Amino acid sequence: MSDEELLRNTIESLIHGSQSAESTGEQRESPGAETRVPHWRVAGATEVPPSTGDFGVPQAALRDRLTGLYGPSAWTQLIASETARIERYQRPAVAIQLELGQIGTGADPRSESTPEALIVELAAAIVTSTRRTDGYTFLAPKRIQGILIETSAEGAVACIHRIRDRFFSVVRGPVTLRAGHHRVNAGAGVQAALGKAEEQLYRREASSPGTEGSIREKLTELKALRDDGLIDDAEYDAKRNEVLRRL
């Protein structure tokens, strides 16, 4: 077993071991492979998981107390281990950024429309739409960033749409969600890809519930597919013209 694999396994054992000790409430299965959602990560939940200090590691170092996603320490170690693994094995990965935009009165009557409650809803949508091997962390006040392991740019786009669908199936009203993604390139690392995804995040127009996204977003996604070699120039031009004809 390589040093990177040992580090990743150690992080996972600490996180999931601590999670098992804490999650005494009901859990639900995601439609994905093995993801389990502790009761304090279910959409709409506001309960903060207790700090147990299992293995001598403070809970705050493992999980964010609001969302249940990776805490700063575990996230930093995950980025380091995945960057090394991507460079060594040339495995595909995509960095993504998700950020809540406009939040108006009545956005989520069950959660009183607070940014904190909406972030919890977004975290729950992410957990139930992605795999256990993927990792996410919360960046205050309204953003979550992550890395999708063994995923192409096309797969990342599909994942983002699943997250949106789940989020807006629960949250209704004047709230928007922006998203950006970028393939992790060997030699550049995960952090560089997260930066590129952030740039894309602010180039895109926020999508509203019940829409398929802006024209700019569709063109950006097509360009990403072409840049990643998933479609050729001829297919890119044809799809681009099809999108522009809808204007």
C-alpha atoms as a PDB file:
ATOM      1  CA  MET A   1       0.000   0.000   0.000  1.00  0.00           C
ATOM      2  CA  SER A   2       1.408   3.417  -1.002  1.00  0.00           C
ATOM      3  CA  ASP A   3       1.887   6.299   1.434  1.00  0.00           C
ATOM      4  CA  GLU A   4      -0.951   8.203  -0.264  1.00  0.00           C
ATOM      5  CA  GLU A   5      -3.348   5.263   0.055  1.00  0.00           C
ATOM      6  CA  LEU A   6      -2.394   4.780   3.693  1.00  0.00           C
ATOM      7  CA  LEU A   7      -3.034   8.474   4.416  1.00  0.00           C
ATOM      8  CA  ARG A   8      -6.426   8.395   2.676  1.00  0.00           C
ATOM      9  CA  ASN A   9      -7.455   5.239   4.535  1.00  0.00           C
ATOM     10  CA  THR A  10      -6.419   6.807   7.833  1.00  0.00           C
ATOM     11  CA  ILE A  11      -8.517   9.910   7.155  1.00  0.00           C
ATOM     12  CA  GLU A  12     -11.523   7.806   6.163  1.00  0.00           C
ATOM     13  CA  SER A  13     -11.241   5.548   9.197  1.00  0.00           C
ATOM     14  CA  LEU A  14     -11.107   8.539  11.526  1.00  0.00           C
ATOM     15  CA  ILE A  15     -14.028  10.268   9.841  1.00  0.00           C
ATOM     16  CA  HIS A  16     -16.305   7.286   9.420  1.00  0.00           C
ATOM     17  CA  GLY A  17     -15.357   5.813  12.773  1.00  0.00           C
ATOM     18  CA  SER A  18     -16.212   9.076  14.504  1.00  0.00           C
ATOM     19  CA  GLN A  19     -19.353   9.389  12.389  1.00  0.00           C
ATOM     20  CA  SER A  20     -20.559   5.928  13.427  1.00  0.00           C
ATOM     21  CA  ALA A  21     -20.079   6.724  17.092  1.00  0.00           C
ATOM     22  CA  GLU A  22     -22.117   9.919  16.750  1.00  0.00           C
ATOM     23  CA  SER A  23     -24.954   9.032  14.408  1.00  0.00           C
ATOM     24  CA  THR A  24     -27.430   7.337  16.704  1.00  0.00           C
ATOM     25  CA  GLY A  25     -30.441   8.696  14.794  1.00  0.00           C
ATOM     26  CA  GLU A  26     -32.035   7.228  11.693  1.00  0.00           C
ATOM     27  CA  GLN A  27     -29.912   7.089   8.551  1.00  0.00           C
ATOM     28  CA  ARG A  28     -31.022   6.880   4.945  1.00  0.00           C
ATOM     29  CA  GLU A  29     -29.407   5.255   1.942  1.00  0.00           C
ATOM     30  CA  SER A  30     -28.499   7.406  -1.042  1.00  0.00           C
ATOM     31  CA  PRO A  31     -29.191   6.186  -4.542  1.00  0.00           C
ATOM     32  CA  GLY A  32     -25.402   5.966  -4.953  1.00  0.00           C
ATOM     33  CA  ALA A  33     -23.222   3.053  -3.964  1.00  0.00           C
ATOM     34  CA  GLU A  34     -22.481   3.270  -0.237  1.00  0.00           C
ATOM     35  CA  THR A  35     -23.120   6.834   0.907  1.00  0.00           C
ATOM     36  CA  ARG A  36     -24.946   7.049   4.239  1.00  0.00           C
ATOM     37  CA  VAL A  37     -26.355  10.308   5.522  1.00  0.00           C
ATOM     38  CA  PRO A  38     -26.164  10.792   9.309  1.00  0.00           C
ATOM     39  CA  HIS A  39     -29.321  12.249  10.851  1.00  0.00           C
ATOM     40  CA  TRP A  40     -27.629  15.625  11.316  1.00  0.00           C
ATOM     41  CA  ARG A  41     -26.931  15.834   7.567  1.00  0.00           C
ATOM     42  CA  VAL A  42     -30.456  15.109   6.334  1.00  0.00           C
ATOM     43  CA  ALA A  43     -32.014  18.055   4.468  1.00  0.00           C
ATOM     44  CA  GLY A  44     -33.568  20.518   6.885  1.00  0.00           C
ATOM     45  CA  ALA A  45     -31.708  19.191   9.923  1.00  0.00           C
ATOM     46  CA  THR A  46     -30.266  21.820  12.245  1.00  0.00           C
ATOM     47  CA  GLU A  47     -28.814  19.609  14.956  1.00  0.00           C
ATOM     48  CA  VAL A  48     -25.047  19.950  15.426  1.00  0.00           C
ATOM     49  CA  PRO A  49     -23.159  16.647  15.787  1.00  0.00           C
ATOM     50  CA  PRO A  50     -21.558  16.219  19.206  1.00  0.00           C
ATOM     51  CA  SER A  51     -17.791  16.351  19.577  1.00  0.00           C
ATOM     52  CA  THR A  52     -16.467  13.014  20.768  1.00  0.00           C
ATOM     53  CA  GLY A  53     -12.720  13.365  20.423  1.00  0.00           C
ATOM     54  CA  ASP A  54     -12.476   9.745  19.180  1.00  0.00           C
ATOM     55  CA  PHE A  55      -8.930   8.589  18.414  1.00  0.00           C
ATOM     56  CA  GLY A  56      -7.681  11.707  20.179  1.00  0.00           C
ATOM     57  CA  VAL A  57      -8.719  13.857  17.190  1.00  0.00           C
ATOM     58  CA  PRO A  58     -11.118  16.801  17.784  1.00  0.00           C
ATOM     59  CA  GLN A  59     -14.337  16.430  15.797  1.00  0.00           C
ATOM     60  CA  ALA A  60     -13.892  19.940  14.364  1.00  0.00           C
ATOM     61  CA  ALA A  61     -10.752  18.747  12.586  1.00  0.00           C
ATOM     62  CA  LEU A  62     -12.697  16.003  10.801  1.00  0.00           C
ATOM     63  CA  ARG A  63     -16.145  17.385   9.970  1.00  0.00           C
ATOM     64  CA  ASP A  64     -17.657  20.823   9.606  1.00  0.00           C
ATOM     65  CA  ARG A  65     -20.156  21.212  12.450  1.00  0.00           C
ATOM     66  CA  LEU A  66     -22.858  22.852  10.318  1.00  0.00           C
ATOM     67  CA  THR A  67     -22.859  20.688   7.194  1.00  0.00           C
ATOM     68  CA  GLY A  68     -21.124  17.455   8.195  1.00  0.00           C
ATOM     69  CA  LEU A  69     -18.740  17.803   5.227  1.00  0.00           C
ATOM     70  CA  TYR A  70     -14.938  17.610   5.523  1.00  0.00           C
ATOM     71  CA  GLY A  71     -13.428  20.007   8.049  1.00  0.00           C
ATOM     72  CA  PRO A  72     -10.353  22.132   7.176  1.00  0.00           C
ATOM     73  CA  SER A  73      -7.745  19.641   8.399  1.00  0.00           C
ATOM     74  CA  ALA A  74      -9.261  16.585   6.697  1.00  0.00           C
ATOM     75  CA  TRP A  75      -9.880  18.580   3.515  1.00  0.00           C
ATOM     76  CA  THR A  76      -6.251  19.748   3.344  1.00  0.00           C
ATOM     77  CA  GLN A  77      -5.021  16.181   3.760  1.00  0.00           C
ATOM     78  CA  LEU A  78      -7.492  14.938   1.148  1.00  0.00           C
ATOM     79  CA  ILE A  79      -6.266  17.482  -1.417  1.00  0.00           C
ATOM     80  CA  ALA A  80      -2.642  16.512  -0.763  1.00  0.00           C
ATOM     81  CA  SER A  81      -3.282  12.774  -1.059  1.00  0.00           C
ATOM     82  CA  GLU A  82      -5.489  13.068  -4.157  1.00  0.00           C
ATOM     83  CA  THR A  83      -3.039  15.416  -5.909  1.00  0.00           C
ATOM     84  CA  ALA A  84      -0.255  12.860  -5.377  1.00  0.00           C
ATOM     85  CA  ARG A  85      -2.476  10.018  -6.532  1.00  0.00           C
ATOM     86  CA  ILE A  86      -3.609  11.853  -9.672  1.00  0.00           C
ATOM     87  CA  GLU A  87      -0.014  12.612 -10.616  1.00  0.00           C
ATOM     88  CA  ARG A  88       1.154   9.052  -9.960  1.00  0.00           C
ATOM     89  CA  TYR A  89      -1.690   7.101 -11.552  1.00  0.00           C
ATOM     90  CA  GLN A  90      -3.053   9.655 -14.061  1.00  0.00           C
ATOM     91  CA  ARG A  91      -6.558   9.105 -12.689  1.00  0.00           C
ATOM     92  CA  PRO A  92      -9.271  11.522 -13.841  1.00  0.00           C
ATOM     93  CA  ALA A  93     -10.779  13.955 -11.355  1.00  0.00           C
ATOM     94  CA  VAL A  94     -12.777  17.173 -11.513  1.00  0.00           C
ATOM     95  CA  ALA A  95     -12.874  20.069  -9.041  1.00  0.00           C
ATOM     96  CA  ILE A  96     -16.245  21.755  -8.551  1.00  0.00           C
ATOM     97  CA  GLN A  97     -17.528  24.894  -6.837  1.00  0.00           C
ATOM     98  CA  LEU A  98     -21.149  25.427  -5.785  1.00  0.00           C
ATOM     99  CA  GLU A  99     -22.380  28.720  -4.379  1.00  0.00           C
ATOM    100  CA  LEU A 100     -25.762  30.011  -3.289  1.00  0.00           C
ATOM    101  CA  GLY A 101     -26.638  33.280  -4.966  1.00  0.00           C
ATOM    102  CA  GLN A 102     -29.654  35.458  -4.283  1.00  0.00           C
ATOM    103  CA  ILE A 103     -31.562  34.462  -1.161  1.00  0.00           C
ATOM    104  CA  GLY A 104     -34.927  36.154  -0.779  1.00  0.00           C
ATOM    105  CA  THR A 105     -37.762  35.992   1.713  1.00  0.00           C
ATOM    106  CA  GLY A 106     -39.669  32.739   1.496  1.00  0.00           C
ATOM    107  CA  ALA A 107     -36.886  30.797  -0.229  1.00  0.00           C
ATOM    108  CA  ASP A 108     -37.397  27.866   2.114  1.00  0.00           C
ATOM    109  CA  PRO A 109     -40.360  28.145   4.484  1.00  0.00           C
ATOM    110  CA  ARG A 110     -39.381  24.960   6.368  1.00  0.00           C
ATOM    111  CA  SER A 111     -35.956  26.366   7.225  1.00  0.00           C
ATOM    112  CA  GLU A 112     -36.891  30.038   7.588  1.00  0.00           C
ATOM    113  CA  SER A 113     -34.787  30.984   4.542  1.00  0.00           C
ATOM    114  CA  THR A 114     -31.581  31.474   6.517  1.00  0.00           C
ATOM    115  CA  PRO A 115     -28.295  31.037   4.620  1.00  0.00           C
ATOM    116  CA  GLU A 116     -27.210  28.444   7.192  1.00  0.00           C
ATOM    117  CA  ALA A 117     -30.341  26.346   6.658  1.00  0.00           C
ATOM    118  CA  LEU A 118     -29.987  26.540   2.877  1.00  0.00           C
ATOM    119  CA  ILE A 119     -26.329  25.469   3.082  1.00  0.00           C
ATOM    120  CA  VAL A 120     -27.444  22.433   5.114  1.00  0.00           C
ATOM    121  CA  GLU A 121     -29.986  21.640   2.377  1.00  0.00           C
ATOM    122  CA  LEU A 122     -27.289  22.006  -0.281  1.00  0.00           C
ATOM    123  CA  ALA A 123     -24.883  19.756   1.643  1.00  0.00           C
ATOM    124  CA  ALA A 124     -27.611  17.110   1.933  1.00  0.00           C
ATOM    125  CA  ALA A 125     -28.300  17.338  -1.815  1.00  0.00           C
ATOM    126  CA  ILE A 126     -24.585  16.859  -2.498  1.00  0.00           C
ATOM    127  CA  VAL A 127     -24.230  13.872  -0.168  1.00  0.00           C
ATOM    128  CA  THR A 128     -27.196  12.076  -1.734  1.00  0.00           C
ATOM    129  CA  SER A 129     -26.081  12.860  -5.310  1.00  0.00           C
ATOM    130  CA  THR A 130     -22.422  11.841  -5.158  1.00  0.00           C
ATOM    131  CA  ARG A 131     -20.251   8.898  -4.139  1.00  0.00           C
ATOM    132  CA  ARG A 132     -18.520   8.168  -0.864  1.00  0.00           C
ATOM    133  CA  THR A 133     -15.136   8.508  -2.585  1.00  0.00           C
ATOM    134  CA  ASP A 134     -15.837  12.143  -3.526  1.00  0.00           C
ATOM    135  CA  GLY A 135     -14.943  14.869  -1.038  1.00  0.00           C
ATOM    136  CA  TYR A 136     -16.468  18.239  -0.162  1.00  0.00           C
ATOM    137  CA  THR A 137     -15.861  21.085   2.260  1.00  0.00           C
ATOM    138  CA  PHE A 138     -17.900  24.142   3.280  1.00  0.00           C
ATOM    139  CA  LEU A 139     -16.499  27.628   2.648  1.00  0.00           C
ATOM    140  CA  ALA A 140     -18.448  30.273   4.556  1.00  0.00           C
ATOM    141  CA  PRO A 141     -20.738  31.947   4.003  1.00  0.00           C
ATOM    142  CA  LYS A 142     -22.489  30.336   1.011  1.00  0.00           C
ATOM    143  CA  ARG A 143     -20.095  28.083  -0.918  1.00  0.00           C
ATOM    144  CA  ILE A 144     -19.200  24.387  -1.008  1.00  0.00           C
ATOM    145  CA  GLN A 145     -16.240  23.106  -3.018  1.00  0.00           C
ATOM    146  CA  GLY A 146     -15.357  19.528  -3.822  1.00  0.00           C
ATOM    147  CA  ILE A 147     -13.424  16.992  -5.841  1.00  0.00           C
ATOM    148  CA  LEU A 148     -15.044  14.232  -7.892  1.00  0.00           C
ATOM    149  CA  ILE A 149     -12.750  11.205  -8.067  1.00  0.00           C
ATOM    150  CA  GLU A 150     -12.545   9.036 -11.207  1.00  0.00           C
ATOM    151  CA  THR A 151     -14.849  11.489 -12.990  1.00  0.00           C
ATOM    152  CA  SER A 152     -14.737  13.122 -16.428  1.00  0.00           C
ATOM    153  CA  ALA A 153     -15.886  16.653 -17.219  1.00  0.00           C
ATOM    154  CA  GLU A 154     -19.050  15.179 -18.711  1.00  0.00           C
ATOM    155  CA  GLY A 155     -19.659  13.226 -15.514  1.00  0.00           C
ATOM    156  CA  ALA A 156     -19.129  16.375 -13.448  1.00  0.00           C
ATOM    157  CA  VAL A 157     -21.764  18.245 -15.458  1.00  0.00           C
ATOM    158  CA  ALA A 158     -24.234  15.407 -14.882  1.00  0.00           C
ATOM    159  CA  CYS A 159     -23.395  15.404 -11.170  1.00  0.00           C
ATOM    160  CA  ILE A 160     -23.988  19.147 -10.877  1.00  0.00           C
ATOM    161  CA  HIS A 161     -27.388  18.745 -12.536  1.00  0.00           C
ATOM    162  CA  ARG A 162     -28.308  15.976 -10.067  1.00  0.00           C
ATOM    163  CA  ILE A 163     -27.336  18.212  -7.157  1.00  0.00           C
ATOM    164  CA  ARG A 164     -29.400  21.090  -8.564  1.00  0.00           C
ATOM    165  CA  ASP A 165     -32.423  18.869  -9.106  1.00  0.00           C
ATOM    166  CA  ARG A 166     -32.320  17.549  -5.534  1.00  0.00           C
ATOM    167  CA  PHE A 167     -31.701  20.972  -4.011  1.00  0.00           C
ATOM    168  CA  PHE A 168     -34.533  22.686  -5.877  1.00  0.00           C
ATOM    169  CA  SER A 169     -36.906  19.795  -5.235  1.00  0.00           C
ATOM    170  CA  VAL A 170     -36.742  20.812  -1.569  1.00  0.00           C
ATOM    171  CA  VAL A 171     -36.006  24.539  -1.742  1.00  0.00           C
ATOM    172  CA  ARG A 172     -38.432  26.774  -3.596  1.00  0.00           C
ATOM    173  CA  GLY A 173     -38.553  30.514  -4.003  1.00  0.00           C
ATOM    174  CA  PRO A 174     -36.037  33.275  -4.761  1.00  0.00           C
ATOM    175  CA  VAL A 175     -32.763  31.430  -4.281  1.00  0.00           C
ATOM    176  CA  THR A 176     -30.182  30.734  -6.983  1.00  0.00           C
ATOM    177  CA  LEU A 177     -27.270  28.326  -7.281  1.00  0.00           C
ATOM    178  CA  ARG A 178     -24.119  28.890  -9.305  1.00  0.00           C
ATOM    179  CA  ALA A 179     -21.704  26.124 -10.260  1.00  0.00           C
ATOM    180  CA  GLY A 180     -18.269  25.825 -11.815  1.00  0.00           C
ATOM    181  CA  HIS A 181     -16.062  22.837 -12.599  1.00  0.00           C
ATOM    182  CA  HIS A 182     -12.584  22.144 -13.989  1.00  0.00           C
ATOM    183  CA  ARG A 183     -10.618  18.995 -14.716  1.00  0.00           C
ATOM    184  CA  VAL A 184      -7.656  18.326 -12.414  1.00  0.00           C
ATOM    185  CA  ASN A 185      -4.520  18.252 -14.555  1.00  0.00           C
ATOM    186  CA  ALA A 186      -1.502  16.221 -13.463  1.00  0.00           C
ATOM    187  CA  GLY A 187       1.292  18.585 -12.470  1.00  0.00           C
ATOM    188  CA  ALA A 188      -1.087  21.433 -11.608  1.00  0.00           C
ATOM    189  CA  GLY A 189      -2.922  19.775  -8.719  1.00  0.00           C
ATOM    190  CA  VAL A 190      -6.353  19.947  -7.131  1.00  0.00           C
ATOM    191  CA  GLN A 191      -5.921  23.450  -5.721  1.00  0.00           C
ATOM    192  CA  ALA A 192      -5.216  24.894  -9.171  1.00  0.00           C
ATOM    193  CA  ALA A 193      -8.323  23.180 -10.568  1.00  0.00           C
ATOM    194  CA  LEU A 194     -10.419  24.586  -7.718  1.00  0.00           C
ATOM    195  CA  GLY A 195      -9.172  28.052  -8.660  1.00  0.00           C
ATOM    196  CA  LYS A 196     -10.185  27.523 -12.291  1.00  0.00           C
ATOM    197  CA  ALA A 197     -13.594  26.254 -11.179  1.00  0.00           C
ATOM    198  CA  GLU A 198     -13.990  29.406  -9.086  1.00  0.00           C
ATOM    199  CA  GLU A 199     -13.208  31.573 -12.114  1.00  0.00           C
ATOM    200  CA  GLN A 200     -15.859  29.697 -14.069  1.00  0.00           C
ATOM    201  CA  LEU A 201     -18.281  30.128 -11.176  1.00  0.00           C
ATOM    202  CA  TYR A 202     -18.205  33.902 -11.516  1.00  0.00           C
ATOM    203  CA  ARG A 203     -18.363  33.853 -15.317  1.00  0.00           C
ATOM    204  CA  ARG A 204     -21.659  32.018 -15.216  1.00  0.00           C
ATOM    205  CA  GLU A 205     -25.079  33.458 -14.681  1.00  0.00           C
ATOM    206  CA  ALA A 206     -26.917  31.999 -11.728  1.00  0.00           C
ATOM    207  CA  SER A 207     -29.509  29.370 -12.622  1.00  0.00           C
ATOM    208  CA  SER A 208     -33.013  29.576 -11.154  1.00  0.00           C
ATOM    209  CA  PRO A 209     -35.289  26.733 -10.046  1.00  0.00           C
ATOM    210  CA  GLY A 210     -37.264  25.248 -12.909  1.00  0.00           C
ATOM    211  CA  THR A 211     -34.834  26.423 -15.636  1.00  0.00           C
ATOM    212  CA  GLU A 212     -32.258  24.479 -17.607  1.00  0.00           C
ATOM    213  CA  GLY A 213     -29.565  27.080 -17.068  1.00  0.00           C
ATOM    214  CA  SER A 214     -28.434  30.139 -18.993  1.00  0.00           C
ATOM    215  CA  ILE A 215     -27.192  30.181 -22.585  1.00  0.00           C
ATOM    216  CA  ARG A 216     -23.775  31.220 -21.324  1.00  0.00           C
ATOM    217  CA  GLU A 217     -23.677  28.222 -18.984  1.00  0.00           C
ATOM    218  CA  LYS A 218     -24.553  25.810 -21.799  1.00  0.00           C
ATOM    219  CA  LEU A 219     -21.843  27.235 -24.039  1.00  0.00           C
ATOM    220  CA  THR A 220     -19.311  27.028 -21.217  1.00  0.00           C
ATOM    221  CA  GLU A 221     -20.180  23.382 -20.613  1.00  0.00           C
ATOM    222  CA  LEU A 222     -19.817  22.600 -24.327  1.00  0.00           C
ATOM    223  CA  LYS A 223     -16.393  24.251 -24.379  1.00  0.00           C
ATOM    224  CA  ALA A 224     -15.323  22.205 -21.338  1.00  0.00           C
ATOM    225  CA  LEU A 225     -16.397  18.990 -23.076  1.00  0.00           C
ATOM    226  CA  ARG A 226     -14.414  19.932 -26.178  1.00  0.00           C
ATOM    227  CA  ASP A 227     -11.339  20.962 -24.178  1.00  0.00           C
ATOM    228  CA  ASP A 228     -11.437  17.626 -22.352  1.00  0.00           C
ATOM    229  CA  GLY A 229     -11.609  15.754 -25.659  1.00  0.00           C
ATOM    230  CA  LEU A 230     -15.088  14.361 -24.991  1.00  0.00           C
ATOM    231  CA  ILE A 231     -16.493  15.910 -28.182  1.00  0.00           C
ATOM    232  CA  ASP A 232     -14.677  16.906 -31.378  1.00  0.00           C
ATOM    233  CA  ASP A 233     -14.713  20.321 -33.053  1.00  0.00           C
ATOM    234  CA  ALA A 234     -17.461  19.364 -35.496  1.00  0.00           C
ATOM    235  CA  GLU A 235     -19.784  18.180 -32.729  1.00  0.00           C
ATOM    236  CA  TYR A 236     -18.932  21.260 -30.656  1.00  0.00           C
ATOM    237  CA  ASP A 237     -19.830  23.601 -33.547  1.00  0.00           C
ATOM    238  CA  ALA A 238     -23.083  21.758 -34.232  1.00  0.00           C
ATOM    239  CA  LYS A 239     -24.200  21.821 -30.592  1.00  0.00           C
ATOM    240  CA  ARG A 240     -23.111  25.444 -30.185  1.00  0.00           C
ATOM    241  CA  ASN A 241     -25.154  26.511 -33.219  1.00  0.00           C
ATOM    242  CA  GLU A 242     -28.137  24.595 -31.861  1.00  0.00           C
ATOM    243  CA  VAL A 243     -27.926  26.490 -28.564  1.00  0.00           C
ATOM    244  CA  LEU A 244     -27.545  29.857 -30.300  1.00  0.00           C
ATOM    245  CA  ARG A 245     -30.582  29.201 -32.516  1.00  0.00           C
ATOM    246  CA  ARG A 246     -32.724  29.198 -29.371  1.00  0.00           C
ATOM    247  CA  LEU A 247     -31.928  32.855 -28.678  1.00  0.00           C
END
